[in-house]
């Protein structure tokens, strides 16, 4: 798990089997969880896109 103020708020969730972006968004603050229904492999990418 990644926590803290150093983790960027902008994120993408990628299916590593296909490379498809299955979710993207901007969290309101560093404590907000990135929700996913589960059941499939996922890669969470948090990066500043500014």
PDB file of N, CA and C in Angstrom:
ATOM      1  N   UNK A   1       0.838  -1.182   0.000  1.00  0.00           N
ATOM      2  CA  UNK A   1       0.000   0.000   0.000  1.00  0.00           C
ATOM      3  C   UNK A   1       0.881   1.243   0.000  1.00  0.00           C
ATOM      4  N   UNK A   2       0.435   2.222  -0.715  1.00  0.00           N
ATOM      5  CA  UNK A   2       1.152   3.491  -0.768  1.00  0.00           C
ATOM      6  C   UNK A   2       0.338   4.551  -0.061  1.00  0.00           C
ATOM      7  N   UNK A   3       0.956   5.204   0.874  1.00  0.00           N
ATOM      8  CA  UNK A   3       0.298   6.279   1.601  1.00  0.00           C
ATOM      9  C   UNK A   3       1.250   7.449   1.730  1.00  0.00           C
ATOM     10  N   UNK A   4       0.714   8.605   2.036  1.00  0.00           N
ATOM     11  CA  UNK A   4       1.540   9.762   2.333  1.00  0.00           C
ATOM     12  C   UNK A   4       1.308  10.907   1.378  1.00  0.00           C
ATOM     13  N   UNK A   5       1.773  12.055   1.809  1.00  0.00           N
ATOM     14  CA  UNK A   5       1.601  13.271   1.018  1.00  0.00           C
ATOM     15  C   UNK A   5       2.484  13.298  -0.224  1.00  0.00           C
ATOM     16  N   UNK A   6       3.485  12.409  -0.300  1.00  0.00           N
ATOM     17  CA  UNK A   6       4.375  12.382  -1.461  1.00  0.00           C
ATOM     18  C   UNK A   6       3.800  11.591  -2.626  1.00  0.00           C
ATOM     19  N   UNK A   7       2.716  10.850  -2.403  1.00  0.00           N
ATOM     20  CA  UNK A   7       2.089  10.070  -3.473  1.00  0.00           C
ATOM     21  C   UNK A   7       1.172  11.009  -4.264  1.00  0.00           C
ATOM     22  N   UNK A   8       1.401  11.163  -5.575  1.00  0.00           N
ATOM     23  CA  UNK A   8       0.566  12.064  -6.379  1.00  0.00           C
ATOM     24  C   UNK A   8      -0.914  11.668  -6.314  1.00  0.00           C
ATOM     25  N   UNK A   9      -1.794  12.640  -6.451  1.00  0.00           N
ATOM     26  CA  UNK A   9      -3.232  12.405  -6.372  1.00  0.00           C
ATOM     27  C   UNK A   9      -3.817  11.902  -7.694  1.00  0.00           C
ATOM     28  N   UNK A  10      -3.172  12.199  -8.804  1.00  0.00           N
ATOM     29  CA  UNK A  10      -3.634  11.739 -10.116  1.00  0.00           C
ATOM     30  C   UNK A  10      -3.253  10.269 -10.294  1.00  0.00           C
ATOM     31  N   UNK A  11      -4.198   9.457 -10.778  1.00  0.00           N
ATOM     32  CA  UNK A  11      -3.922   8.024 -10.904  1.00  0.00           C
ATOM     33  C   UNK A  11      -4.542   7.433 -12.165  1.00  0.00           C
ATOM     34  N   UNK A  12      -3.995   6.289 -12.558  1.00  0.00           N
ATOM     35  CA  UNK A  12      -4.555   5.431 -13.589  1.00  0.00           C
ATOM     36  C   UNK A  12      -4.506   4.010 -13.068  1.00  0.00           C
ATOM     37  N   UNK A  13      -5.494   3.202 -13.441  1.00  0.00           N
ATOM     38  CA  UNK A  13      -5.512   1.779 -13.108  1.00  0.00           C
ATOM     39  C   UNK A  13      -5.472   1.027 -14.433  1.00  0.00           C
ATOM     40  N   UNK A  14      -4.470   0.141 -14.570  1.00  0.00           N
ATOM     41  CA  UNK A  14      -4.221  -0.538 -15.837  1.00  0.00           C
ATOM     42  C   UNK A  14      -4.365  -2.047 -15.642  1.00  0.00           C
ATOM     43  N   UNK A  15      -4.980  -2.700 -16.623  1.00  0.00           N
ATOM     44  CA  UNK A  15      -5.020  -4.158 -16.666  1.00  0.00           C
ATOM     45  C   UNK A  15      -3.716  -4.602 -17.323  1.00  0.00           C
ATOM     46  N   UNK A  16      -2.806  -5.251 -16.575  1.00  0.00           N
ATOM     47  CA  UNK A  16      -1.501  -5.590 -17.149  1.00  0.00           C
ATOM     48  C   UNK A  16      -1.564  -6.667 -18.231  1.00  0.00           C
ATOM     49  N   UNK A  17      -2.679  -7.389 -18.325  1.00  0.00           N
ATOM     50  CA  UNK A  17      -2.793  -8.419 -19.360  1.00  0.00           C
ATOM     51  C   UNK A  17      -3.037  -7.813 -20.728  1.00  0.00           C
ATOM     52  N   UNK A  18      -3.748  -6.670 -20.760  1.00  0.00           N
ATOM     53  CA  UNK A  18      -4.121  -6.056 -22.033  1.00  0.00           C
ATOM     54  C   UNK A  18      -3.507  -4.677 -22.253  1.00  0.00           C
ATOM     55  N   UNK A  19      -3.092  -4.037 -21.157  1.00  0.00           N
ATOM     56  CA  UNK A  19      -2.594  -2.667 -21.244  1.00  0.00           C
ATOM     57  C   UNK A  19      -3.701  -1.632 -21.228  1.00  0.00           C
ATOM     58  N   UNK A  20      -4.958  -2.078 -21.118  1.00  0.00           N
ATOM     59  CA  UNK A  20      -6.087  -1.152 -21.101  1.00  0.00           C
ATOM     60  C   UNK A  20      -6.132  -0.368 -19.795  1.00  0.00           C
ATOM     61  N   UNK A  21      -6.413   0.928 -19.897  1.00  0.00           N
ATOM     62  CA  UNK A  21      -6.664   1.750 -18.719  1.00  0.00           C
ATOM     63  C   UNK A  21      -8.119   1.511 -18.327  1.00  0.00           C
ATOM     64  N   UNK A  22      -8.337   0.945 -17.139  1.00  0.00           N
ATOM     65  CA  UNK A  22      -9.695   0.603 -16.711  1.00  0.00           C
ATOM     66  C   UNK A  22     -10.297   1.648 -15.779  1.00  0.00           C
ATOM     67  N   UNK A  23      -9.472   2.560 -15.288  1.00  0.00           N
ATOM     68  CA  UNK A  23      -9.960   3.660 -14.458  1.00  0.00           C
ATOM     69  C   UNK A  23      -8.904   4.753 -14.430  1.00  0.00           C
ATOM     70  N   UNK A  24      -9.352   5.955 -14.189  1.00  0.00           N
ATOM     71  CA  UNK A  24      -8.438   7.087 -14.016  1.00  0.00           C
ATOM     72  C   UNK A  24      -9.166   8.163 -13.229  1.00  0.00           C
ATOM     73  N   UNK A  25      -8.398   9.011 -12.594  1.00  0.00           N
ATOM     74  CA  UNK A  25      -9.019  10.075 -11.839  1.00  0.00           C
ATOM     75  C   UNK A  25      -8.022  10.843 -10.999  1.00  0.00           C
ATOM     76  N   UNK A  26      -8.561  11.677 -10.124  1.00  0.00           N
ATOM     77  CA  UNK A  26      -7.769  12.470  -9.199  1.00  0.00           C
ATOM     78  C   UNK A  26      -8.402  12.319  -7.824  1.00  0.00           C
ATOM     79  N   UNK A  27      -7.623  11.814  -6.874  1.00  0.00           N
ATOM     80  CA  UNK A  27      -8.124  11.697  -5.508  1.00  0.00           C
ATOM     81  C   UNK A  27      -8.206  13.086  -4.880  1.00  0.00           C
ATOM     82  N   UNK A  28      -9.125  13.282  -3.955  1.00  0.00           N
ATOM     83  CA  UNK A  28      -9.302  14.571  -3.303  1.00  0.00           C
ATOM     84  C   UNK A  28      -8.197  14.865  -2.292  1.00  0.00           C
ATOM     85  N   UNK A  29      -7.687  13.818  -1.639  1.00  0.00           N
ATOM     86  CA  UNK A  29      -6.579  13.974  -0.709  1.00  0.00           C
ATOM     87  C   UNK A  29      -5.819  12.656  -0.602  1.00  0.00           C
ATOM     88  N   UNK A  30      -4.683  12.688   0.071  1.00  0.00           N
ATOM     89  CA  UNK A  30      -3.782  11.539   0.116  1.00  0.00           C
ATOM     90  C   UNK A  30      -4.356  10.339   0.852  1.00  0.00           C
ATOM     91  N   UNK A  31      -5.382  10.536   1.672  1.00  0.00           N
ATOM     92  CA  UNK A  31      -5.947   9.414   2.424  1.00  0.00           C
ATOM     93  C   UNK A  31      -7.073   8.693   1.675  1.00  0.00           C
ATOM     94  N   UNK A  32      -7.499   9.230   0.533  1.00  0.00           N
ATOM     95  CA  UNK A  32      -8.591   8.622  -0.232  1.00  0.00           C
ATOM     96  C   UNK A  32      -8.111   7.359  -0.950  1.00  0.00           C
ATOM     97  N   UNK A  33      -8.876   6.274  -0.840  1.00  0.00           N
ATOM     98  CA  UNK A  33      -8.555   5.001  -1.488  1.00  0.00           C
ATOM     99  C   UNK A  33      -8.944   5.042  -2.952  1.00  0.00           C
ATOM    100  N   UNK A  34      -8.217   4.302  -3.775  1.00  0.00           N
ATOM    101  CA  UNK A  34      -8.586   4.100  -5.180  1.00  0.00           C
ATOM    102  C   UNK A  34      -9.377   2.797  -5.210  1.00  0.00           C
ATOM    103  N   UNK A  35     -10.659   2.888  -5.506  1.00  0.00           N
ATOM    104  CA  UNK A  35     -11.544   1.726  -5.445  1.00  0.00           C
ATOM    105  C   UNK A  35     -11.489   0.933  -6.753  1.00  0.00           C
ATOM    106  N   UNK A  36     -11.617  -0.390  -6.612  1.00  0.00           N
ATOM    107  CA  UNK A  36     -11.657  -1.282  -7.758  1.00  0.00           C
ATOM    108  C   UNK A  36     -12.502  -2.490  -7.358  1.00  0.00           C
ATOM    109  N   UNK A  37     -13.278  -3.017  -8.289  1.00  0.00           N
ATOM    110  CA  UNK A  37     -14.153  -4.157  -7.992  1.00  0.00           C
ATOM    111  C   UNK A  37     -13.360  -5.420  -7.672  1.00  0.00           C
ATOM    112  N   UNK A  38     -12.102  -5.469  -8.115  1.00  0.00           N
ATOM    113  CA  UNK A  38     -11.270  -6.639  -7.848  1.00  0.00           C
ATOM    114  C   UNK A  38     -11.561  -7.767  -8.809  1.00  0.00           C
ATOM    115  N   UNK A  39     -10.902  -8.895  -8.583  1.00  0.00           N
ATOM    116  CA  UNK A  39     -11.132 -10.063  -9.418  1.00  0.00           C
ATOM    117  C   UNK A  39     -10.240 -10.157 -10.637  1.00  0.00           C
ATOM    118  N   UNK A  40      -9.391  -9.165 -10.854  1.00  0.00           N
ATOM    119  CA  UNK A  40      -8.494  -9.191 -12.009  1.00  0.00           C
ATOM    120  C   UNK A  40      -7.190  -8.499 -11.633  1.00  0.00           C
ATOM    121  N   UNK A  41      -6.100  -8.847 -12.306  1.00  0.00           N
ATOM    122  CA  UNK A  41      -4.834  -8.164 -12.034  1.00  0.00           C
ATOM    123  C   UNK A  41      -4.947  -6.673 -12.347  1.00  0.00           C
ATOM    124  N   UNK A  42      -4.311  -5.861 -11.535  1.00  0.00           N
ATOM    125  CA  UNK A  42      -4.331  -4.412 -11.737  1.00  0.00           C
ATOM    126  C   UNK A  42      -2.970  -3.820 -11.406  1.00  0.00           C
ATOM    127  N   UNK A  43      -2.604  -2.770 -12.118  1.00  0.00           N
ATOM    128  CA  UNK A  43      -1.439  -1.969 -11.820  1.00  0.00           C
ATOM    129  C   UNK A  43      -1.941  -0.552 -11.557  1.00  0.00           C
ATOM    130  N   UNK A  44      -1.564  -0.006 -10.406  1.00  0.00           N
ATOM    131  CA  UNK A  44      -1.986   1.343 -10.032  1.00  0.00           C
ATOM    132  C   UNK A  44      -0.813   2.288 -10.284  1.00  0.00           C
ATOM    133  N   UNK A  45      -1.055   3.316 -11.079  1.00  0.00           N
ATOM    134  CA  UNK A  45      -0.018   4.281 -11.436  1.00  0.00           C
ATOM    135  C   UNK A  45      -0.445   5.629 -10.887  1.00  0.00           C
ATOM    136  N   UNK A  46       0.359   6.182 -10.005  1.00  0.00           N
ATOM    137  CA  UNK A  46       0.108   7.508  -9.448  1.00  0.00           C
ATOM    138  C   UNK A  46       1.220   8.417  -9.942  1.00  0.00           C
ATOM    139  N   UNK A  47       0.862   9.487 -10.678  1.00  0.00           N
ATOM    140  CA  UNK A  47       1.893  10.374 -11.199  1.00  0.00           C
ATOM    141  C   UNK A  47       1.313  11.775 -11.400  1.00  0.00           C
ATOM    142  N   UNK A  48       2.175  12.751 -11.215  1.00  0.00           N
ATOM    143  CA  UNK A  48       1.793  14.128 -11.504  1.00  0.00           C
ATOM    144  C   UNK A  48       1.811  14.304 -13.006  1.00  0.00           C
ATOM    145  N   UNK A  49       0.706  14.743 -13.563  1.00  0.00           N
ATOM    146  CA  UNK A  49       0.627  14.930 -15.010  1.00  0.00           C
ATOM    147  C   UNK A  49       0.665  16.400 -15.382  1.00  0.00           C
ATOM    148  N   UNK A  50       1.134  17.220 -14.463  1.00  0.00           N
ATOM    149  CA  UNK A  50       1.193  18.663 -14.717  1.00  0.00           C
ATOM    150  C   UNK A  50       2.375  19.032 -15.575  1.00  0.00           C
TER     151      UNK A  50
END
